């Protein structure tokens, strides 16, 4: 009887540990965005797809008086189509 109780306690502990690890994996914080490229250039986030692009390589556009940087002309054009 005592052996069964110990086995159930071990199984319960293992299930608890696995569930806890799975929950932590899904709620893990994402890494911070890069501030500068390897060449020391400022990185900008494309508002359309979320990609980080060095400012010198980005496609710039001014929308409603605000400067935006895009990874490609396709992302820029899709962003400009939005109302």
PDB file of N, CA and C in Angstrom:
ATOM      1  N   UNK A   1       0.825  -1.190   0.000  1.00  0.00           N
ATOM      2  CA  UNK A   1       0.000   0.000   0.000  1.00  0.00           C
ATOM      3  C   UNK A   1       0.874   1.261   0.000  1.00  0.00           C
ATOM      4  N   UNK A   2       1.904   1.249   0.800  1.00  0.00           N
ATOM      5  CA  UNK A   2       2.798   2.388   0.894  1.00  0.00           C
ATOM      6  C   UNK A   2       3.580   2.566  -0.403  1.00  0.00           C
ATOM      7  N   UNK A   3       3.926   1.457  -1.047  1.00  0.00           N
ATOM      8  CA  UNK A   3       4.659   1.520  -2.307  1.00  0.00           C
ATOM      9  C   UNK A   3       3.801   2.192  -3.378  1.00  0.00           C
ATOM     10  N   UNK A   4       2.512   1.845  -3.426  1.00  0.00           N
ATOM     11  CA  UNK A   4       1.590   2.486  -4.380  1.00  0.00           C
ATOM     12  C   UNK A   4       1.514   3.992  -4.138  1.00  0.00           C
ATOM     13  N   UNK A   5       1.425   4.384  -2.912  1.00  0.00           N
ATOM     14  CA  UNK A   5       1.349   5.799  -2.561  1.00  0.00           C
ATOM     15  C   UNK A   5       2.609   6.534  -3.020  1.00  0.00           C
ATOM     16  N   UNK A   6       3.753   5.936  -2.812  1.00  0.00           N
ATOM     17  CA  UNK A   6       5.017   6.548  -3.234  1.00  0.00           C
ATOM     18  C   UNK A   6       5.074   6.643  -4.753  1.00  0.00           C
ATOM     19  N   UNK A   7       4.667   5.581  -5.452  1.00  0.00           N
ATOM     20  CA  UNK A   7       4.651   5.614  -6.921  1.00  0.00           C
ATOM     21  C   UNK A   7       3.705   6.699  -7.440  1.00  0.00           C
ATOM     22  N   UNK A   8       2.536   6.825  -6.856  1.00  0.00           N
ATOM     23  CA  UNK A   8       1.599   7.886  -7.285  1.00  0.00           C
ATOM     24  C   UNK A   8       2.180   9.280  -7.021  1.00  0.00           C
ATOM     25  N   UNK A   9       2.890   9.410  -5.921  1.00  0.00           N
ATOM     26  CA  UNK A   9       3.519  10.702  -5.618  1.00  0.00           C
ATOM     27  C   UNK A   9       4.595  11.024  -6.644  1.00  0.00           C
ATOM     28  N   UNK A  10       5.363  10.028  -7.048  1.00  0.00           N
ATOM     29  CA  UNK A  10       6.407  10.245  -8.056  1.00  0.00           C
ATOM     30  C   UNK A  10       5.776  10.601  -9.402  1.00  0.00           C
ATOM     31  N   UNK A  11       4.745   9.865  -9.795  1.00  0.00           N
ATOM     32  CA  UNK A  11       4.056  10.155 -11.068  1.00  0.00           C
ATOM     33  C   UNK A  11       3.448  11.556 -11.020  1.00  0.00           C
ATOM     34  N   UNK A  12       2.836  11.908  -9.925  1.00  0.00           N
ATOM     35  CA  UNK A  12       2.247  13.246  -9.794  1.00  0.00           C
ATOM     36  C   UNK A  12       3.306  14.335  -9.887  1.00  0.00           C
ATOM     37  N   UNK A  13       4.435  14.123  -9.258  1.00  0.00           N
ATOM     38  CA  UNK A  13       5.525  15.098  -9.318  1.00  0.00           C
ATOM     39  C   UNK A  13       6.046  15.244 -10.744  1.00  0.00           C
ATOM     40  N   UNK A  14       6.209  14.122 -11.457  1.00  0.00           N
ATOM     41  CA  UNK A  14       6.673  14.179 -12.850  1.00  0.00           C
ATOM     42  C   UNK A  14       5.686  14.921 -13.741  1.00  0.00           C
ATOM     43  N   UNK A  15       4.399  14.656 -13.588  1.00  0.00           N
ATOM     44  CA  UNK A  15       3.383  15.361 -14.380  1.00  0.00           C
ATOM     45  C   UNK A  15       3.416  16.849 -14.059  1.00  0.00           C
ATOM     46  N   UNK A  16       3.505  17.196 -12.801  1.00  0.00           N
ATOM     47  CA  UNK A  16       3.583  18.597 -12.397  1.00  0.00           C
ATOM     48  C   UNK A  16       4.803  19.281 -13.017  1.00  0.00           C
ATOM     49  N   UNK A  17       5.952  18.625 -12.991  1.00  0.00           N
ATOM     50  CA  UNK A  17       7.181  19.188 -13.544  1.00  0.00           C
ATOM     51  C   UNK A  17       7.072  19.399 -15.052  1.00  0.00           C
ATOM     52  N   UNK A  18       6.495  18.440 -15.760  1.00  0.00           N
ATOM     53  CA  UNK A  18       6.339  18.561 -17.214  1.00  0.00           C
ATOM     54  C   UNK A  18       5.382  19.695 -17.564  1.00  0.00           C
ATOM     55  N   UNK A  19       4.267  19.782 -16.870  1.00  0.00           N
ATOM     56  CA  UNK A  19       3.293  20.856 -17.139  1.00  0.00           C
ATOM     57  C   UNK A  19       3.903  22.211 -16.826  1.00  0.00           C
ATOM     58  N   UNK A  20       4.610  22.321 -15.732  1.00  0.00           N
ATOM     59  CA  UNK A  20       5.248  23.588 -15.364  1.00  0.00           C
ATOM     60  C   UNK A  20       6.273  24.016 -16.412  1.00  0.00           C
ATOM     61  N   UNK A  21       7.075  23.082 -16.913  1.00  0.00           N
ATOM     62  CA  UNK A  21       8.072  23.389 -17.942  1.00  0.00           C
ATOM     63  C   UNK A  21       7.395  23.824 -19.237  1.00  0.00           C
ATOM     64  N   UNK A  22       6.289  23.187 -19.599  1.00  0.00           N
ATOM     65  CA  UNK A  22       5.566  23.558 -20.829  1.00  0.00           C
ATOM     66  C   UNK A  22       4.984  24.957 -20.711  1.00  0.00           C
ATOM     67  N   UNK A  23       4.423  25.293 -19.580  1.00  0.00           N
ATOM     68  CA  UNK A  23       3.857  26.634 -19.383  1.00  0.00           C
ATOM     69  C   UNK A  23       4.948  27.690 -19.447  1.00  0.00           C
ATOM     70  N   UNK A  24       6.084  27.441 -18.849  1.00  0.00           N
ATOM     71  CA  UNK A  24       7.186  28.396 -18.886  1.00  0.00           C
ATOM     72  C   UNK A  24       7.733  28.558 -20.296  1.00  0.00           C
ATOM     73  N   UNK A  25       7.733  27.494 -21.075  1.00  0.00           N
ATOM     74  CA  UNK A  25       8.233  27.569 -22.450  1.00  0.00           C
ATOM     75  C   UNK A  25       7.331  28.449 -23.309  1.00  0.00           C
ATOM     76  N   UNK A  26       6.029  28.381 -23.092  1.00  0.00           N
ATOM     77  CA  UNK A  26       5.094  29.189 -23.878  1.00  0.00           C
ATOM     78  C   UNK A  26       5.089  30.642 -23.448  1.00  0.00           C
ATOM     79  N   UNK A  27       5.472  30.918 -22.210  1.00  0.00           N
ATOM     80  CA  UNK A  27       5.453  32.290 -21.703  1.00  0.00           C
ATOM     81  C   UNK A  27       6.838  32.906 -21.615  1.00  0.00           C
ATOM     82  N   UNK A  28       7.804  32.286 -22.277  1.00  0.00           N
ATOM     83  CA  UNK A  28       9.170  32.799 -22.217  1.00  0.00           C
ATOM     84  C   UNK A  28       9.239  34.163 -22.897  1.00  0.00           C
ATOM     85  N   UNK A  29       9.927  35.117 -22.305  1.00  0.00           N
ATOM     86  CA  UNK A  29      10.031  36.442 -22.928  1.00  0.00           C
ATOM     87  C   UNK A  29      10.854  36.378 -24.211  1.00  0.00           C
ATOM     88  N   UNK A  30      10.444  37.180 -25.177  1.00  0.00           N
ATOM     89  CA  UNK A  30      11.194  37.219 -26.428  1.00  0.00           C
ATOM     90  C   UNK A  30      12.469  38.042 -26.228  1.00  0.00           C
ATOM     91  N   UNK A  31      13.493  37.753 -26.998  1.00  0.00           N
ATOM     92  CA  UNK A  31      14.746  38.499 -26.835  1.00  0.00           C
ATOM     93  C   UNK A  31      14.556  39.958 -27.247  1.00  0.00           C
ATOM     94  N   UNK A  32      15.292  40.866 -26.639  1.00  0.00           N
ATOM     95  CA  UNK A  32      15.138  42.282 -26.996  1.00  0.00           C
ATOM     96  C   UNK A  32      15.582  42.533 -28.435  1.00  0.00           C
ATOM     97  N   UNK A  33      14.952  43.499 -29.100  1.00  0.00           N
ATOM     98  CA  UNK A  33      15.331  43.799 -30.479  1.00  0.00           C
ATOM     99  C   UNK A  33      16.745  44.379 -30.548  1.00  0.00           C
ATOM    100  N   UNK A  34      17.412  44.182 -31.673  1.00  0.00           N
ATOM    101  CA  UNK A  34      18.765  44.734 -31.801  1.00  0.00           C
ATOM    102  C   UNK A  34      18.715  46.260 -31.898  1.00  0.00           C
ATOM    103  N   UNK A  35      19.658  46.906 -31.254  1.00  0.00           N
ATOM    104  CA  UNK A  35      19.717  48.363 -31.306  1.00  0.00           C
ATOM    105  C   UNK A  35      20.599  48.840 -32.448  1.00  0.00           C
ATOM    106  N   UNK A  36      21.632  48.084 -32.740  1.00  0.00           N
ATOM    107  CA  UNK A  36      22.551  48.472 -33.803  1.00  0.00           C
ATOM    108  C   UNK A  36      22.960  47.236 -34.595  1.00  0.00           C
ATOM    109  N   UNK A  37      23.277  47.456 -35.865  1.00  0.00           N
ATOM    110  CA  UNK A  37      23.770  46.367 -36.702  1.00  0.00           C
ATOM    111  C   UNK A  37      25.228  46.088 -36.362  1.00  0.00           C
ATOM    112  N   UNK A  38      25.797  45.095 -36.997  1.00  0.00           N
ATOM    113  CA  UNK A  38      27.207  44.780 -36.747  1.00  0.00           C
ATOM    114  C   UNK A  38      28.115  45.935 -37.116  1.00  0.00           C
ATOM    115  N   UNK A  39      27.697  46.719 -38.111  1.00  0.00           N
ATOM    116  CA  UNK A  39      28.492  47.870 -38.536  1.00  0.00           C
ATOM    117  C   UNK A  39      28.272  49.092 -37.669  1.00  0.00           C
ATOM    118  N   UNK A  40      27.434  48.988 -36.632  1.00  0.00           N
ATOM    119  CA  UNK A  40      27.182  50.112 -35.734  1.00  0.00           C
ATOM    120  C   UNK A  40      26.041  51.008 -36.185  1.00  0.00           C
ATOM    121  N   UNK A  41      25.316  50.602 -37.211  1.00  0.00           N
ATOM    122  CA  UNK A  41      24.225  51.407 -37.738  1.00  0.00           C
ATOM    123  C   UNK A  41      22.936  51.115 -36.961  1.00  0.00           C
ATOM    124  N   UNK A  42      22.106  52.135 -36.775  1.00  0.00           N
ATOM    125  CA  UNK A  42      20.849  51.979 -36.045  1.00  0.00           C
ATOM    126  C   UNK A  42      19.919  51.034 -36.797  1.00  0.00           C
ATOM    127  N   UNK A  43      19.207  50.195 -36.044  1.00  0.00           N
ATOM    128  CA  UNK A  43      18.251  49.248 -36.616  1.00  0.00           C
ATOM    129  C   UNK A  43      16.846  49.824 -36.477  1.00  0.00           C
ATOM    130  N   UNK A  44      16.045  49.657 -37.510  1.00  0.00           N
ATOM    131  CA  UNK A  44      14.665  50.119 -37.503  1.00  0.00           C
ATOM    132  C   UNK A  44      13.739  48.931 -37.737  1.00  0.00           C
ATOM    133  N   UNK A  45      12.580  48.943 -37.097  1.00  0.00           N
ATOM    134  CA  UNK A  45      11.609  47.849 -37.253  1.00  0.00           C
ATOM    135  C   UNK A  45      10.599  48.204 -38.332  1.00  0.00           C
ATOM    136  N   UNK A  46      10.433  47.281 -39.263  1.00  0.00           N
ATOM    137  CA  UNK A  46       9.449  47.433 -40.333  1.00  0.00           C
ATOM    138  C   UNK A  46       8.055  47.313 -39.710  1.00  0.00           C
ATOM    139  N   UNK A  47       7.194  48.344 -39.829  1.00  0.00           N
ATOM    140  CA  UNK A  47       5.872  48.280 -39.201  1.00  0.00           C
ATOM    141  C   UNK A  47       4.934  47.280 -39.874  1.00  0.00           C
ATOM    142  N   UNK A  48       5.258  46.849 -41.080  1.00  0.00           N
ATOM    143  CA  UNK A  48       4.402  45.921 -41.801  1.00  0.00           C
ATOM    144  C   UNK A  48       4.674  44.475 -41.391  1.00  0.00           C
ATOM    145  N   UNK A  49       5.928  44.047 -41.459  1.00  0.00           N
ATOM    146  CA  UNK A  49       6.241  42.632 -41.193  1.00  0.00           C
ATOM    147  C   UNK A  49       6.999  42.416 -39.886  1.00  0.00           C
ATOM    148  N   UNK A  50       7.521  43.473 -39.268  1.00  0.00           N
ATOM    149  CA  UNK A  50       8.206  43.343 -37.987  1.00  0.00           C
ATOM    150  C   UNK A  50       9.686  43.035 -38.073  1.00  0.00           C
ATOM    151  N   UNK A  51      10.238  42.989 -39.265  1.00  0.00           N
ATOM    152  CA  UNK A  51      11.657  42.697 -39.457  1.00  0.00           C
ATOM    153  C   UNK A  51      12.500  43.901 -39.060  1.00  0.00           C
ATOM    154  N   UNK A  52      13.659  43.651 -38.453  1.00  0.00           N
ATOM    155  CA  UNK A  52      14.582  44.731 -38.134  1.00  0.00           C
ATOM    156  C   UNK A  52      15.564  44.888 -39.285  1.00  0.00           C
ATOM    157  N   UNK A  53      15.760  46.131 -39.725  1.00  0.00           N
ATOM    158  CA  UNK A  53      16.591  46.435 -40.890  1.00  0.00           C
ATOM    159  C   UNK A  53      17.535  47.578 -40.530  1.00  0.00           C
ATOM    160  N   UNK A  54      18.810  47.500 -40.951  1.00  0.00           N
ATOM    161  CA  UNK A  54      19.691  48.650 -40.760  1.00  0.00           C
ATOM    162  C   UNK A  54      19.123  49.859 -41.508  1.00  0.00           C
ATOM    163  N   UNK A  55      19.176  51.003 -40.885  1.00  0.00           N
ATOM    164  CA  UNK A  55      18.558  52.199 -41.464  1.00  0.00           C
ATOM    165  C   UNK A  55      19.090  52.503 -42.865  1.00  0.00           C
ATOM    166  N   UNK A  56      20.363  52.262 -43.111  1.00  0.00           N
ATOM    167  CA  UNK A  56      20.942  52.531 -44.424  1.00  0.00           C
ATOM    168  C   UNK A  56      20.407  51.618 -45.516  1.00  0.00           C
ATOM    169  N   UNK A  57      19.960  50.418 -45.151  1.00  0.00           N
ATOM    170  CA  UNK A  57      19.429  49.468 -46.123  1.00  0.00           C
ATOM    171  C   UNK A  57      17.912  49.544 -46.249  1.00  0.00           C
ATOM    172  N   UNK A  58      17.262  50.283 -45.377  1.00  0.00           N
ATOM    173  CA  UNK A  58      15.799  50.326 -45.336  1.00  0.00           C
ATOM    174  C   UNK A  58      15.234  51.256 -46.407  1.00  0.00           C
ATOM    175  N   UNK A  59      13.982  50.972 -46.770  1.00  0.00           N
ATOM    176  CA  UNK A  59      13.225  51.825 -47.691  1.00  0.00           C
ATOM    177  C   UNK A  59      12.418  52.778 -46.816  1.00  0.00           C
ATOM    178  N   UNK A  60      12.658  54.076 -46.957  1.00  0.00           N
ATOM    179  CA  UNK A  60      12.005  55.070 -46.102  1.00  0.00           C
ATOM    180  C   UNK A  60      10.737  55.599 -46.756  1.00  0.00           C
ATOM    181  N   UNK A  61       9.783  55.953 -45.909  1.00  0.00           N
ATOM    182  CA  UNK A  61       8.555  56.590 -46.372  1.00  0.00           C
ATOM    183  C   UNK A  61       7.995  57.439 -45.237  1.00  0.00           C
ATOM    184  N   UNK A  62       7.445  58.590 -45.586  1.00  0.00           N
ATOM    185  CA  UNK A  62       6.810  59.446 -44.606  1.00  0.00           C
ATOM    186  C   UNK A  62       5.306  59.282 -44.735  1.00  0.00           C
ATOM    187  N   UNK A  63       4.663  58.904 -43.633  1.00  0.00           N
ATOM    188  CA  UNK A  63       3.227  58.682 -43.617  1.00  0.00           C
ATOM    189  C   UNK A  63       2.637  59.544 -42.517  1.00  0.00           C
ATOM    190  N   UNK A  64       1.731  60.449 -42.905  1.00  0.00           N
ATOM    191  CA  UNK A  64       1.087  61.376 -41.953  1.00  0.00           C
ATOM    192  C   UNK A  64       2.118  62.121 -41.107  1.00  0.00           C
ATOM    193  N   UNK A  65       3.179  62.553 -41.746  1.00  0.00           N
ATOM    194  CA  UNK A  65       4.203  63.338 -41.077  1.00  0.00           C
ATOM    195  C   UNK A  65       5.161  62.538 -40.212  1.00  0.00           C
ATOM    196  N   UNK A  66       5.069  61.229 -40.268  1.00  0.00           N
ATOM    197  CA  UNK A  66       5.942  60.388 -39.444  1.00  0.00           C
ATOM    198  C   UNK A  66       6.793  59.502 -40.350  1.00  0.00           C
ATOM    199  N   UNK A  67       8.095  59.429 -40.065  1.00  0.00           N
ATOM    200  CA  UNK A  67       9.022  58.646 -40.871  1.00  0.00           C
ATOM    201  C   UNK A  67       8.935  57.169 -40.482  1.00  0.00           C
ATOM    202  N   UNK A  68       8.816  56.296 -41.481  1.00  0.00           N
ATOM    203  CA  UNK A  68       8.813  54.845 -41.280  1.00  0.00           C
ATOM    204  C   UNK A  68       9.886  54.234 -42.162  1.00  0.00           C
ATOM    205  N   UNK A  69      10.441  53.100 -41.711  1.00  0.00           N
ATOM    206  CA  UNK A  69      11.439  52.380 -42.489  1.00  0.00           C
ATOM    207  C   UNK A  69      10.922  50.976 -42.745  1.00  0.00           C
ATOM    208  N   UNK A  70      11.151  50.486 -43.975  1.00  0.00           N
ATOM    209  CA  UNK A  70      10.637  49.187 -44.392  1.00  0.00           C
ATOM    210  C   UNK A  70      11.764  48.320 -44.925  1.00  0.00           C
ATOM    211  N   UNK A  71      11.578  47.001 -44.850  1.00  0.00           N
ATOM    212  CA  UNK A  71      12.601  46.073 -45.331  1.00  0.00           C
ATOM    213  C   UNK A  71      12.582  45.963 -46.848  1.00  0.00           C
ATOM    214  N   UNK A  72      11.455  46.280 -47.476  1.00  0.00           N
ATOM    215  CA  UNK A  72      11.350  46.169 -48.928  1.00  0.00           C
ATOM    216  C   UNK A  72      10.273  47.116 -49.448  1.00  0.00           C
ATOM    217  N   UNK A  73      10.287  47.317 -50.752  1.00  0.00           N
ATOM    218  CA  UNK A  73       9.241  48.158 -51.356  1.00  0.00           C
ATOM    219  C   UNK A  73       7.888  47.475 -51.267  1.00  0.00           C
ATOM    220  N   UNK A  74       7.881  46.134 -51.284  1.00  0.00           N
ATOM    221  CA  UNK A  74       6.609  45.409 -51.163  1.00  0.00           C
ATOM    222  C   UNK A  74       5.954  45.690 -49.809  1.00  0.00           C
ATOM    223  N   UNK A  75       6.723  45.626 -48.730  1.00  0.00           N
ATOM    224  CA  UNK A  75       6.178  45.924 -47.396  1.00  0.00           C
ATOM    225  C   UNK A  75       5.720  47.383 -47.321  1.00  0.00           C
ATOM    226  N   UNK A  76       6.502  48.292 -47.901  1.00  0.00           N
ATOM    227  CA  UNK A  76       6.123  49.705 -47.895  1.00  0.00           C
ATOM    228  C   UNK A  76       4.797  49.889 -48.630  1.00  0.00           C
ATOM    229  N   UNK A  77       4.663  49.293 -49.802  1.00  0.00           N
ATOM    230  CA  UNK A  77       3.437  49.459 -50.588  1.00  0.00           C
ATOM    231  C   UNK A  77       2.233  48.860 -49.878  1.00  0.00           C
ATOM    232  N   UNK A  78       2.400  47.699 -49.239  1.00  0.00           N
ATOM    233  CA  UNK A  78       1.296  47.100 -48.484  1.00  0.00           C
ATOM    234  C   UNK A  78       0.905  47.975 -47.303  1.00  0.00           C
ATOM    235  N   UNK A  79       1.889  48.571 -46.647  1.00  0.00           N
ATOM    236  CA  UNK A  79       1.608  49.453 -45.513  1.00  0.00           C
ATOM    237  C   UNK A  79       0.848  50.699 -45.978  1.00  0.00           C
ATOM    238  N   UNK A  80       1.241  51.237 -47.127  1.00  0.00           N
ATOM    239  CA  UNK A  80       0.598  52.446 -47.649  1.00  0.00           C
ATOM    240  C   UNK A  80      -0.823  52.167 -48.130  1.00  0.00           C
ATOM    241  N   UNK A  81      -1.162  50.935 -48.473  1.00  0.00           N
ATOM    242  CA  UNK A  81      -2.518  50.584 -48.904  1.00  0.00           C
ATOM    243  C   UNK A  81      -3.512  50.560 -47.753  1.00  0.00           C
ATOM    244  N   UNK A  82      -3.002  50.364 -46.536  1.00  0.00           N
ATOM    245  CA  UNK A  82      -3.888  50.286 -45.376  1.00  0.00           C
ATOM    246  C   UNK A  82      -4.521  51.644 -45.109  1.00  0.00           C
ATOM    247  N   UNK A  83      -5.789  51.632 -44.670  1.00  0.00           N
ATOM    248  CA  UNK A  83      -6.461  52.919 -44.374  1.00  0.00           C
ATOM    249  C   UNK A  83      -5.918  53.609 -43.137  1.00  0.00           C
TER     250      UNK A  83
END
